[in-house]
Amino acid sequence: MKIIKILTASISIFLFSFLVEAEELETAWESEKVFELPESVIYDKINDVLYVSNIVNHPFKKDGSGYISKMSLDGKVIEQKWVKSLNAPKGLTIFKDKLYIADVDELVEVDTASGKVINKYKGSGAVCFNDVTADKYGNVYVGDTYTDSIYRLNQFSQLPIWLNSPNLAPNGIHIDATKSQMIVGSWGSVMEGWGTPERSGNLKVVDLNTKKVKNLGPDKSIGNLDGVEADGKGAYFVTDWSAGKLYSMKNNSKVKVLKSTAQGAADHEVILDKNLILIPIMTEGKVIALKIN
């Protein structure tokens, strides 16, 4: 069975190579390797700083060891443990002056001015909250990779399941307000442990009104997709955790490899007005910044 899986994965990678065009982006800077399983980075425009989530130990365990770091735009650590005593924090999003953190089975709300946790919202049945995003109305969504579910925080401070779809495996989620869509970077086969999983994920689109799910781009499996961010030109920057790649993906077009990194390219940030893409590299404990052409 293991040999069959290896052969299947090899064939998938071979077939996928025909869909790929290469276009390497230049590295602007790399941080020091001081982070502990950094999973997500986000830019706080108001305070002009970056926040980095640190899982520290296991992505499912609630051991209170996780934290959020604060970093400058040139890659210098301002405060290593800015928000402490989290569990395994992953995806981050900001709405107004609040930072929202996906943390195992909770959505954690932090005041960005003080760094204080002001709310924790429990997701019933959640196992592995991974990424979080918000729409222009302030609706906050958080994806659970393990249960193929997306939760949405409502006006009553409850966090019910908004969508459950077989094989969705939402790792990265991003709201495209111009099209009333959510773009989902699907992990594919759920990773049971820390081994290399089958590369069976692809990019999906969820209609925010009908909740209908369809593939964006190639129907073939691409990899274990992680972060998803818009490029401002109708395409998306997407990371592949297992392959250590940054892709440019657009509906009905070829996938472009923009950067090859070490394995563990996770939930990135795109700052279009500064021409920067920031990618946490989990396996190396660092963040890299790329220049957008």
C-alpha atoms as a PDB file:
ATOM      1  CA  MET A   1       0.000   0.000   0.000  1.00  0.00           C
ATOM      2  CA  LYS A   2       2.813   2.398   0.879  1.00  0.00           C
ATOM      3  CA  ILE A   3       4.552   1.690  -2.466  1.00  0.00           C
ATOM      4  CA  ILE A   4       1.298   2.369  -4.324  1.00  0.00           C
ATOM      5  CA  LYS A   5       0.902   5.695  -2.501  1.00  0.00           C
ATOM      6  CA  ILE A   6       4.465   6.701  -3.359  1.00  0.00           C
ATOM      7  CA  LEU A   7       3.952   5.798  -7.023  1.00  0.00           C
ATOM      8  CA  THR A   8       0.645   7.673  -7.105  1.00  0.00           C
ATOM      9  CA  ALA A   9       2.230  10.768  -5.581  1.00  0.00           C
ATOM     10  CA  SER A  10       5.156  10.560  -8.041  1.00  0.00           C
ATOM     11  CA  ILE A  11       2.803  10.297 -11.036  1.00  0.00           C
ATOM     12  CA  SER A  12       0.764  13.271  -9.748  1.00  0.00           C
ATOM     13  CA  ILE A  13       3.898  15.398  -9.434  1.00  0.00           C
ATOM     14  CA  PHE A  14       5.064  14.294 -12.924  1.00  0.00           C
ATOM     15  CA  LEU A  15       1.711  15.207 -14.506  1.00  0.00           C
ATOM     16  CA  PHE A  16       1.576  18.492 -12.627  1.00  0.00           C
ATOM     17  CA  SER A  17       4.979  19.497 -14.011  1.00  0.00           C
ATOM     18  CA  PHE A  18       3.342  20.017 -17.421  1.00  0.00           C
ATOM     19  CA  LEU A  19       1.080  22.678 -15.918  1.00  0.00           C
ATOM     20  CA  VAL A  20       3.843  24.756 -14.386  1.00  0.00           C
ATOM     21  CA  GLU A  21       5.773  27.751 -15.645  1.00  0.00           C
ATOM     22  CA  ALA A  22       8.767  29.032 -13.675  1.00  0.00           C
ATOM     23  CA  GLU A  23       9.331  32.678 -12.728  1.00  0.00           C
ATOM     24  CA  GLU A  24      11.597  33.122  -9.706  1.00  0.00           C
ATOM     25  CA  LEU A  25      11.049  36.130  -7.407  1.00  0.00           C
ATOM     26  CA  GLU A  26      13.971  37.890  -5.740  1.00  0.00           C
ATOM     27  CA  THR A  27      14.418  37.632  -1.968  1.00  0.00           C
ATOM     28  CA  ALA A  28      14.310  41.017  -0.202  1.00  0.00           C
ATOM     29  CA  TRP A  29      15.352  39.694   3.227  1.00  0.00           C
ATOM     30  CA  GLU A  30      15.231  36.720   5.561  1.00  0.00           C
ATOM     31  CA  SER A  31      14.658  36.940   9.289  1.00  0.00           C
ATOM     32  CA  GLU A  32      16.833  35.127  11.786  1.00  0.00           C
ATOM     33  CA  LYS A  33      15.759  31.573  12.595  1.00  0.00           C
ATOM     34  CA  VAL A  34      14.210  32.536  15.918  1.00  0.00           C
ATOM     35  CA  PHE A  35      10.589  31.453  15.455  1.00  0.00           C
ATOM     36  CA  GLU A  36       9.091  28.168  16.659  1.00  0.00           C
ATOM     37  CA  LEU A  37       7.041  26.544  13.889  1.00  0.00           C
ATOM     38  CA  PRO A  38       5.910  29.895  12.429  1.00  0.00           C
ATOM     39  CA  GLU A  39       2.636  29.256  10.603  1.00  0.00           C
ATOM     40  CA  SER A  40       1.234  32.656   9.619  1.00  0.00           C
ATOM     41  CA  VAL A  41       2.351  36.250   9.144  1.00  0.00           C
ATOM     42  CA  ILE A  42       0.134  39.325   8.729  1.00  0.00           C
ATOM     43  CA  TYR A  43       0.708  43.054   8.271  1.00  0.00           C
ATOM     44  CA  ASP A  44      -0.903  45.530  10.676  1.00  0.00           C
ATOM     45  CA  LYS A  45      -1.134  48.644   8.510  1.00  0.00           C
ATOM     46  CA  ILE A  46      -2.235  50.935  11.335  1.00  0.00           C
ATOM     47  CA  ASN A  47       0.733  50.085  13.564  1.00  0.00           C
ATOM     48  CA  ASP A  48       3.111  49.324  10.652  1.00  0.00           C
ATOM     49  CA  VAL A  49       4.262  45.988  12.093  1.00  0.00           C
ATOM     50  CA  LEU A  50       4.078  42.300  11.267  1.00  0.00           C
ATOM     51  CA  TYR A  51       2.621  39.585  13.497  1.00  0.00           C
ATOM     52  CA  VAL A  52       3.897  35.993  13.324  1.00  0.00           C
ATOM     53  CA  SER A  53       2.111  33.000  14.863  1.00  0.00           C
ATOM     54  CA  ASN A  54       4.261  30.346  16.567  1.00  0.00           C
ATOM     55  CA  ILE A  55       2.776  26.859  17.013  1.00  0.00           C
ATOM     56  CA  VAL A  56       5.816  25.743  19.082  1.00  0.00           C
ATOM     57  CA  ASN A  57       4.793  22.094  19.583  1.00  0.00           C
ATOM     58  CA  HIS A  58       1.994  20.015  18.006  1.00  0.00           C
ATOM     59  CA  PRO A  59      -0.683  21.702  15.824  1.00  0.00           C
ATOM     60  CA  PHE A  60      -3.570  19.928  17.607  1.00  0.00           C
ATOM     61  CA  LYS A  61      -2.437  20.127  21.244  1.00  0.00           C
ATOM     62  CA  LYS A  62      -3.752  22.628  23.768  1.00  0.00           C
ATOM     63  CA  ASP A  63      -0.672  23.076  25.944  1.00  0.00           C
ATOM     64  CA  GLY A  64      -0.484  26.877  26.286  1.00  0.00           C
ATOM     65  CA  SER A  65       2.969  27.079  24.706  1.00  0.00           C
ATOM     66  CA  GLY A  66       2.021  28.986  21.531  1.00  0.00           C
ATOM     67  CA  TYR A  67       2.497  32.716  21.029  1.00  0.00           C
ATOM     68  CA  ILE A  68       2.437  35.643  18.600  1.00  0.00           C
ATOM     69  CA  SER A  69       5.605  37.590  17.738  1.00  0.00           C
ATOM     70  CA  LYS A  70       5.826  41.212  16.633  1.00  0.00           C
ATOM     71  CA  MET A  71       8.295  42.017  13.844  1.00  0.00           C
ATOM     72  CA  SER A  72       9.313  45.086  11.819  1.00  0.00           C
ATOM     73  CA  LEU A  73       8.938  45.324   8.055  1.00  0.00           C
ATOM     74  CA  ASP A  74      12.666  44.786   7.591  1.00  0.00           C
ATOM     75  CA  GLY A  75      12.586  41.435   9.400  1.00  0.00           C
ATOM     76  CA  LYS A  76      13.763  42.463  12.876  1.00  0.00           C
ATOM     77  CA  VAL A  77      11.993  40.978  15.898  1.00  0.00           C
ATOM     78  CA  ILE A  78      10.421  43.704  18.043  1.00  0.00           C
ATOM     79  CA  GLU A  79       8.896  41.432  20.680  1.00  0.00           C
ATOM     80  CA  GLN A  80       9.333  37.650  20.542  1.00  0.00           C
ATOM     81  CA  LYS A  81       6.356  36.800  22.760  1.00  0.00           C
ATOM     82  CA  TRP A  82       3.927  39.672  22.237  1.00  0.00           C
ATOM     83  CA  VAL A  83       0.791  37.572  22.880  1.00  0.00           C
ATOM     84  CA  LYS A  84       1.519  34.620  25.171  1.00  0.00           C
ATOM     85  CA  SER A  85      -0.195  31.495  26.520  1.00  0.00           C
ATOM     86  CA  LEU A  86      -1.900  30.425  23.307  1.00  0.00           C
ATOM     87  CA  ASN A  87      -2.062  26.770  22.274  1.00  0.00           C
ATOM     88  CA  ALA A  88      -1.059  26.175  18.656  1.00  0.00           C
ATOM     89  CA  PRO A  89      -1.827  29.479  16.891  1.00  0.00           C
ATOM     90  CA  LYS A  90      -1.972  29.364  13.104  1.00  0.00           C
ATOM     91  CA  GLY A  91      -3.858  31.663  10.715  1.00  0.00           C
ATOM     92  CA  LEU A  92      -4.243  35.396  11.409  1.00  0.00           C
ATOM     93  CA  THR A  93      -6.484  38.166  10.150  1.00  0.00           C
ATOM     94  CA  ILE A  94      -7.141  41.765  11.179  1.00  0.00           C
ATOM     95  CA  PHE A  95     -10.434  43.638  11.104  1.00  0.00           C
ATOM     96  CA  LYS A  96     -10.268  47.236  12.259  1.00  0.00           C
ATOM     97  CA  ASP A  97      -8.163  47.165  15.440  1.00  0.00           C
ATOM     98  CA  LYS A  98      -8.683  43.494  16.311  1.00  0.00           C
ATOM     99  CA  LEU A  99      -6.393  40.564  15.511  1.00  0.00           C
ATOM    100  CA  TYR A 100      -8.132  37.199  15.103  1.00  0.00           C
ATOM    101  CA  ILE A 101      -6.159  33.990  15.642  1.00  0.00           C
ATOM    102  CA  ALA A 102      -7.049  30.407  14.673  1.00  0.00           C
ATOM    103  CA  ASP A 103      -6.035  28.374  17.734  1.00  0.00           C
ATOM    104  CA  VAL A 104      -6.888  24.624  17.643  1.00  0.00           C
ATOM    105  CA  ASP A 105     -10.627  24.775  18.483  1.00  0.00           C
ATOM    106  CA  GLU A 106     -10.929  28.462  19.372  1.00  0.00           C
ATOM    107  CA  LEU A 107     -10.983  31.780  17.548  1.00  0.00           C
ATOM    108  CA  VAL A 108      -8.982  34.192  19.703  1.00  0.00           C
ATOM    109  CA  GLU A 109      -9.592  37.957  19.512  1.00  0.00           C
ATOM    110  CA  VAL A 110      -6.765  40.332  20.481  1.00  0.00           C
ATOM    111  CA  ASP A 111      -6.726  44.111  20.843  1.00  0.00           C
ATOM    112  CA  THR A 112      -3.830  45.253  18.627  1.00  0.00           C
ATOM    113  CA  ALA A 113      -3.228  48.405  20.654  1.00  0.00           C
ATOM    114  CA  SER A 114      -2.540  46.538  23.896  1.00  0.00           C
ATOM    115  CA  GLY A 115      -1.791  42.966  22.812  1.00  0.00           C
ATOM    116  CA  LYS A 116      -4.417  41.749  25.273  1.00  0.00           C
ATOM    117  CA  VAL A 117      -6.730  38.803  24.595  1.00  0.00           C
ATOM    118  CA  ILE A 118     -10.282  40.153  24.838  1.00  0.00           C
ATOM    119  CA  ASN A 119     -12.339  37.175  23.639  1.00  0.00           C
ATOM    120  CA  LYS A 120     -12.118  33.472  22.870  1.00  0.00           C
ATOM    121  CA  TYR A 121     -14.829  31.847  20.748  1.00  0.00           C
ATOM    122  CA  LYS A 122     -15.187  28.064  20.916  1.00  0.00           C
ATOM    123  CA  GLY A 123     -15.946  26.114  17.751  1.00  0.00           C
ATOM    124  CA  SER A 124     -18.050  23.092  18.662  1.00  0.00           C
ATOM    125  CA  GLY A 125     -16.553  19.937  17.153  1.00  0.00           C
ATOM    126  CA  ALA A 126     -13.462  21.734  15.846  1.00  0.00           C
ATOM    127  CA  VAL A 127     -10.174  19.822  15.782  1.00  0.00           C
ATOM    128  CA  CYS A 128      -7.653  21.910  13.845  1.00  0.00           C
ATOM    129  CA  PHE A 129      -8.546  25.532  13.137  1.00  0.00           C
ATOM    130  CA  ASN A 130      -6.029  26.602  10.526  1.00  0.00           C
ATOM    131  CA  ASP A 131      -6.685  29.883   8.748  1.00  0.00           C
ATOM    132  CA  VAL A 132      -8.954  32.839   9.401  1.00  0.00           C
ATOM    133  CA  THR A 133     -10.264  35.649   7.195  1.00  0.00           C
ATOM    134  CA  ALA A 134     -12.801  38.469   7.383  1.00  0.00           C
ATOM    135  CA  ASP A 135     -15.113  40.090   4.850  1.00  0.00           C
ATOM    136  CA  LYS A 136     -15.805  43.816   4.482  1.00  0.00           C
ATOM    137  CA  TYR A 137     -18.775  43.572   6.854  1.00  0.00           C
ATOM    138  CA  GLY A 138     -16.666  42.190   9.674  1.00  0.00           C
ATOM    139  CA  ASN A 139     -17.840  38.595   9.396  1.00  0.00           C
ATOM    140  CA  VAL A 140     -14.935  36.426  10.545  1.00  0.00           C
ATOM    141  CA  TYR A 141     -14.491  32.944   9.063  1.00  0.00           C
ATOM    142  CA  VAL A 142     -12.162  30.215  10.334  1.00  0.00           C
ATOM    143  CA  GLY A 143     -11.419  26.912   8.598  1.00  0.00           C
ATOM    144  CA  ASP A 144     -10.960  23.505  10.215  1.00  0.00           C
ATOM    145  CA  THR A 145      -8.727  21.433   7.953  1.00  0.00           C
ATOM    146  CA  TYR A 146      -9.389  18.178   9.774  1.00  0.00           C
ATOM    147  CA  THR A 147     -13.222  18.255   9.627  1.00  0.00           C
ATOM    148  CA  ASP A 148     -13.676  19.800   6.132  1.00  0.00           C
ATOM    149  CA  SER A 149     -15.527  22.695   7.777  1.00  0.00           C
ATOM    150  CA  ILE A 150     -15.585  26.482   7.799  1.00  0.00           C
ATOM    151  CA  TYR A 151     -17.031  28.294  10.817  1.00  0.00           C
ATOM    152  CA  ARG A 152     -18.351  31.869  10.929  1.00  0.00           C
ATOM    153  CA  LEU A 153     -18.516  34.138  13.965  1.00  0.00           C
ATOM    154  CA  ASN A 154     -22.035  35.570  14.307  1.00  0.00           C
ATOM    155  CA  GLN A 155     -23.456  38.682  15.982  1.00  0.00           C
ATOM    156  CA  PHE A 156     -24.255  36.693  19.123  1.00  0.00           C
ATOM    157  CA  SER A 157     -20.566  35.836  19.663  1.00  0.00           C
ATOM    158  CA  GLN A 158     -21.241  32.247  18.637  1.00  0.00           C
ATOM    159  CA  LEU A 159     -19.048  30.271  16.250  1.00  0.00           C
ATOM    160  CA  PRO A 160     -21.220  27.729  14.398  1.00  0.00           C
ATOM    161  CA  ILE A 161     -20.295  25.757  11.265  1.00  0.00           C
ATOM    162  CA  TRP A 162     -21.036  27.840   8.181  1.00  0.00           C
ATOM    163  CA  LEU A 163     -20.032  25.222   5.584  1.00  0.00           C
ATOM    164  CA  ASN A 164     -19.139  21.547   5.611  1.00  0.00           C
ATOM    165  CA  SER A 165     -18.071  20.014   2.317  1.00  0.00           C
ATOM    166  CA  PRO A 166     -16.468  16.586   1.715  1.00  0.00           C
ATOM    167  CA  ASN A 167     -12.748  16.760   0.923  1.00  0.00           C
ATOM    168  CA  LEU A 168     -12.671  20.534   1.345  1.00  0.00           C
ATOM    169  CA  ALA A 169      -9.759  20.321   3.850  1.00  0.00           C
ATOM    170  CA  PRO A 170      -9.485  24.127   4.144  1.00  0.00           C
ATOM    171  CA  ASN A 171      -5.953  25.179   4.984  1.00  0.00           C
ATOM    172  CA  GLY A 172      -5.790  28.708   3.592  1.00  0.00           C
ATOM    173  CA  ILE A 173      -8.953  30.821   3.181  1.00  0.00           C
ATOM    174  CA  HIS A 174      -9.265  34.245   1.563  1.00  0.00           C
ATOM    175  CA  ILE A 175     -12.292  36.463   0.868  1.00  0.00           C
ATOM    176  CA  ASP A 176     -12.425  37.944  -2.636  1.00  0.00           C
ATOM    177  CA  ALA A 177     -14.899  40.773  -2.025  1.00  0.00           C
ATOM    178  CA  THR A 178     -15.001  41.771  -5.698  1.00  0.00           C
ATOM    179  CA  LYS A 179     -16.633  38.441  -6.594  1.00  0.00           C
ATOM    180  CA  SER A 180     -18.444  37.508  -3.347  1.00  0.00           C
ATOM    181  CA  GLN A 181     -16.255  34.419  -3.166  1.00  0.00           C
ATOM    182  CA  MET A 182     -14.059  32.641  -0.699  1.00  0.00           C
ATOM    183  CA  ILE A 183     -10.900  31.138  -2.153  1.00  0.00           C
ATOM    184  CA  VAL A 184      -9.791  27.989  -0.352  1.00  0.00           C
ATOM    185  CA  GLY A 185      -6.345  26.456  -0.441  1.00  0.00           C
ATOM    186  CA  SER A 186      -7.178  22.791   0.115  1.00  0.00           C
ATOM    187  CA  TRP A 187      -4.670  20.568   1.878  1.00  0.00           C
ATOM    188  CA  GLY A 188      -6.143  17.423   0.354  1.00  0.00           C
ATOM    189  CA  SER A 189      -5.570  14.239   2.350  1.00  0.00           C
ATOM    190  CA  VAL A 190      -5.491  15.146   6.031  1.00  0.00           C
ATOM    191  CA  MET A 191      -2.074  14.784   7.641  1.00  0.00           C
ATOM    192  CA  GLU A 192      -2.392  12.350  10.538  1.00  0.00           C
ATOM    193  CA  GLY A 193       1.116  12.970  11.853  1.00  0.00           C
ATOM    194  CA  TRP A 194       4.232  14.852  10.846  1.00  0.00           C
ATOM    195  CA  GLY A 195       5.106  12.644   7.864  1.00  0.00           C
ATOM    196  CA  THR A 196       4.792  13.782   4.247  1.00  0.00           C
ATOM    197  CA  PRO A 197       1.144  13.417   3.127  1.00  0.00           C
ATOM    198  CA  GLU A 198      -0.178  12.684  -0.329  1.00  0.00           C
ATOM    199  CA  ARG A 199      -0.103  15.816  -2.488  1.00  0.00           C
ATOM    200  CA  SER A 200      -3.815  15.797  -3.229  1.00  0.00           C
ATOM    201  CA  GLY A 201      -5.012  19.365  -2.639  1.00  0.00           C
ATOM    202  CA  ASN A 202      -6.069  22.045  -5.087  1.00  0.00           C
ATOM    203  CA  LEU A 203      -7.528  25.560  -5.137  1.00  0.00           C
ATOM    204  CA  LYS A 204     -11.278  25.868  -4.629  1.00  0.00           C
ATOM    205  CA  VAL A 205     -13.903  28.613  -4.844  1.00  0.00           C
ATOM    206  CA  VAL A 206     -16.882  28.924  -2.479  1.00  0.00           C
ATOM    207  CA  ASP A 207     -19.760  31.215  -3.468  1.00  0.00           C
ATOM    208  CA  LEU A 208     -20.538  33.264  -0.350  1.00  0.00           C
ATOM    209  CA  ASN A 209     -24.246  33.386  -1.197  1.00  0.00           C
ATOM    210  CA  THR A 210     -25.010  29.840  -2.377  1.00  0.00           C
ATOM    211  CA  LYS A 211     -22.045  28.088  -0.665  1.00  0.00           C
ATOM    212  CA  LYS A 212     -21.488  26.133  -3.882  1.00  0.00           C
ATOM    213  CA  VAL A 213     -17.932  24.739  -4.106  1.00  0.00           C
ATOM    214  CA  LYS A 214     -15.943  24.286  -7.326  1.00  0.00           C
ATOM    215  CA  ASN A 215     -12.306  24.001  -8.375  1.00  0.00           C
ATOM    216  CA  LEU A 216     -10.372  27.041  -9.534  1.00  0.00           C
ATOM    217  CA  GLY A 217      -7.738  26.343 -12.158  1.00  0.00           C
ATOM    218  CA  PRO A 218      -6.599  22.772 -12.905  1.00  0.00           C
ATOM    219  CA  ASP A 219      -8.861  19.959 -11.705  1.00  0.00           C
ATOM    220  CA  LYS A 220      -5.762  17.842 -11.115  1.00  0.00           C
ATOM    221  CA  SER A 221      -4.309  17.609  -7.629  1.00  0.00           C
ATOM    222  CA  ILE A 222      -1.574  20.181  -7.127  1.00  0.00           C
ATOM    223  CA  GLY A 223      -0.134  19.730  -3.669  1.00  0.00           C
ATOM    224  CA  ASN A 224      -0.772  20.516  -0.018  1.00  0.00           C
ATOM    225  CA  LEU A 225      -1.885  24.112  -0.399  1.00  0.00           C
ATOM    226  CA  ASP A 226      -1.561  26.511   2.510  1.00  0.00           C
ATOM    227  CA  GLY A 227      -1.832  30.311   2.270  1.00  0.00           C
ATOM    228  CA  VAL A 228      -3.977  32.137  -0.308  1.00  0.00           C
ATOM    229  CA  GLU A 229      -3.763  35.867  -1.074  1.00  0.00           C
ATOM    230  CA  ALA A 230      -4.896  38.005  -4.037  1.00  0.00           C
ATOM    231  CA  ASP A 231      -2.306  39.574  -6.343  1.00  0.00           C
ATOM    232  CA  GLY A 232      -4.539  42.547  -7.233  1.00  0.00           C
ATOM    233  CA  LYS A 233      -4.698  41.459 -10.888  1.00  0.00           C
ATOM    234  CA  GLY A 234      -7.247  38.655 -10.770  1.00  0.00           C
ATOM    235  CA  ALA A 235      -4.881  35.853  -9.754  1.00  0.00           C
ATOM    236  CA  TYR A 236      -3.752  34.469  -6.392  1.00  0.00           C
ATOM    237  CA  PHE A 237      -0.460  33.856  -4.655  1.00  0.00           C
ATOM    238  CA  VAL A 238      -0.659  30.356  -3.133  1.00  0.00           C
ATOM    239  CA  THR A 239       1.863  28.442  -1.026  1.00  0.00           C
ATOM    240  CA  ASP A 240       2.423  24.681  -1.163  1.00  0.00           C
ATOM    241  CA  TRP A 241       3.589  23.485   2.251  1.00  0.00           C
ATOM    242  CA  SER A 242       4.977  20.075   1.282  1.00  0.00           C
ATOM    243  CA  ALA A 243       6.698  21.113  -1.936  1.00  0.00           C
ATOM    244  CA  GLY A 244       8.022  24.397  -0.522  1.00  0.00           C
ATOM    245  CA  LYS A 245       6.652  26.487  -3.390  1.00  0.00           C
ATOM    246  CA  LEU A 246       4.965  29.824  -4.010  1.00  0.00           C
ATOM    247  CA  TYR A 247       2.567  29.655  -6.962  1.00  0.00           C
ATOM    248  CA  SER A 248       0.632  32.167  -9.005  1.00  0.00           C
ATOM    249  CA  MET A 249      -2.750  30.665  -9.869  1.00  0.00           C
ATOM    250  CA  LYS A 250      -5.650  31.906 -11.942  1.00  0.00           C
ATOM    251  CA  ASN A 251      -8.803  30.267 -13.282  1.00  0.00           C
ATOM    252  CA  ASN A 252      -8.266  28.320 -16.520  1.00  0.00           C
ATOM    253  CA  SER A 253      -4.592  29.190 -16.822  1.00  0.00           C
ATOM    254  CA  LYS A 254      -1.233  27.612 -16.130  1.00  0.00           C
ATOM    255  CA  VAL A 255       0.179  27.516 -12.643  1.00  0.00           C
ATOM    256  CA  LYS A 256       3.399  29.481 -12.254  1.00  0.00           C
ATOM    257  CA  VAL A 257       6.105  28.710  -9.711  1.00  0.00           C
ATOM    258  CA  LEU A 258       7.300  32.060  -8.360  1.00  0.00           C
ATOM    259  CA  LYS A 259       9.648  30.782  -5.663  1.00  0.00           C
ATOM    260  CA  SER A 260      11.082  27.524  -4.359  1.00  0.00           C
ATOM    261  CA  THR A 261      11.773  27.379  -0.626  1.00  0.00           C
ATOM    262  CA  ALA A 262      12.428  24.739   1.990  1.00  0.00           C
ATOM    263  CA  GLN A 263       9.485  22.520   2.895  1.00  0.00           C
ATOM    264  CA  GLY A 264       7.043  24.303   5.188  1.00  0.00           C
ATOM    265  CA  ALA A 265       6.051  27.409   3.197  1.00  0.00           C
ATOM    266  CA  ALA A 266       2.962  28.345   5.177  1.00  0.00           C
ATOM    267  CA  ASP A 267       0.337  31.102   5.460  1.00  0.00           C
ATOM    268  CA  HIS A 268       1.846  34.168   3.786  1.00  0.00           C
ATOM    269  CA  GLU A 269       1.044  37.875   3.609  1.00  0.00           C
ATOM    270  CA  VAL A 270       0.979  40.117   0.542  1.00  0.00           C
ATOM    271  CA  ILE A 271       1.544  43.882   0.863  1.00  0.00           C
ATOM    272  CA  LEU A 272       0.842  45.182  -2.622  1.00  0.00           C
ATOM    273  CA  ASP A 273       1.685  48.846  -1.960  1.00  0.00           C
ATOM    274  CA  LYS A 274       5.126  47.784  -0.716  1.00  0.00           C
ATOM    275  CA  ASN A 275       5.630  45.094  -3.390  1.00  0.00           C
ATOM    276  CA  LEU A 276       6.302  42.434  -0.761  1.00  0.00           C
ATOM    277  CA  ILE A 277       5.267  38.831  -0.127  1.00  0.00           C
ATOM    278  CA  LEU A 278       6.115  37.501   3.341  1.00  0.00           C
ATOM    279  CA  ILE A 279       6.263  33.732   3.853  1.00  0.00           C
ATOM    280  CA  PRO A 280       6.812  31.899   7.153  1.00  0.00           C
ATOM    281  CA  ILE A 281       8.968  28.802   6.650  1.00  0.00           C
ATOM    282  CA  MET A 282       7.842  26.460   9.424  1.00  0.00           C
ATOM    283  CA  THR A 283      10.627  23.906   9.133  1.00  0.00           C
ATOM    284  CA  GLU A 284      13.358  26.553   9.350  1.00  0.00           C
ATOM    285  CA  GLY A 285      11.832  28.872  11.954  1.00  0.00           C
ATOM    286  CA  LYS A 286      12.100  32.007   9.835  1.00  0.00           C
ATOM    287  CA  VAL A 287      10.162  34.461   7.655  1.00  0.00           C
ATOM    288  CA  ILE A 288      11.311  35.406   4.162  1.00  0.00           C
ATOM    289  CA  ALA A 289      10.308  38.505   2.184  1.00  0.00           C
ATOM    290  CA  LEU A 290      10.064  38.410  -1.602  1.00  0.00           C
ATOM    291  CA  LYS A 291       9.947  41.331  -4.030  1.00  0.00           C
ATOM    292  CA  ILE A 292       6.894  41.362  -6.298  1.00  0.00           C
ATOM    293  CA  ASN A 293       7.869  42.001  -9.913  1.00  0.00           C
END
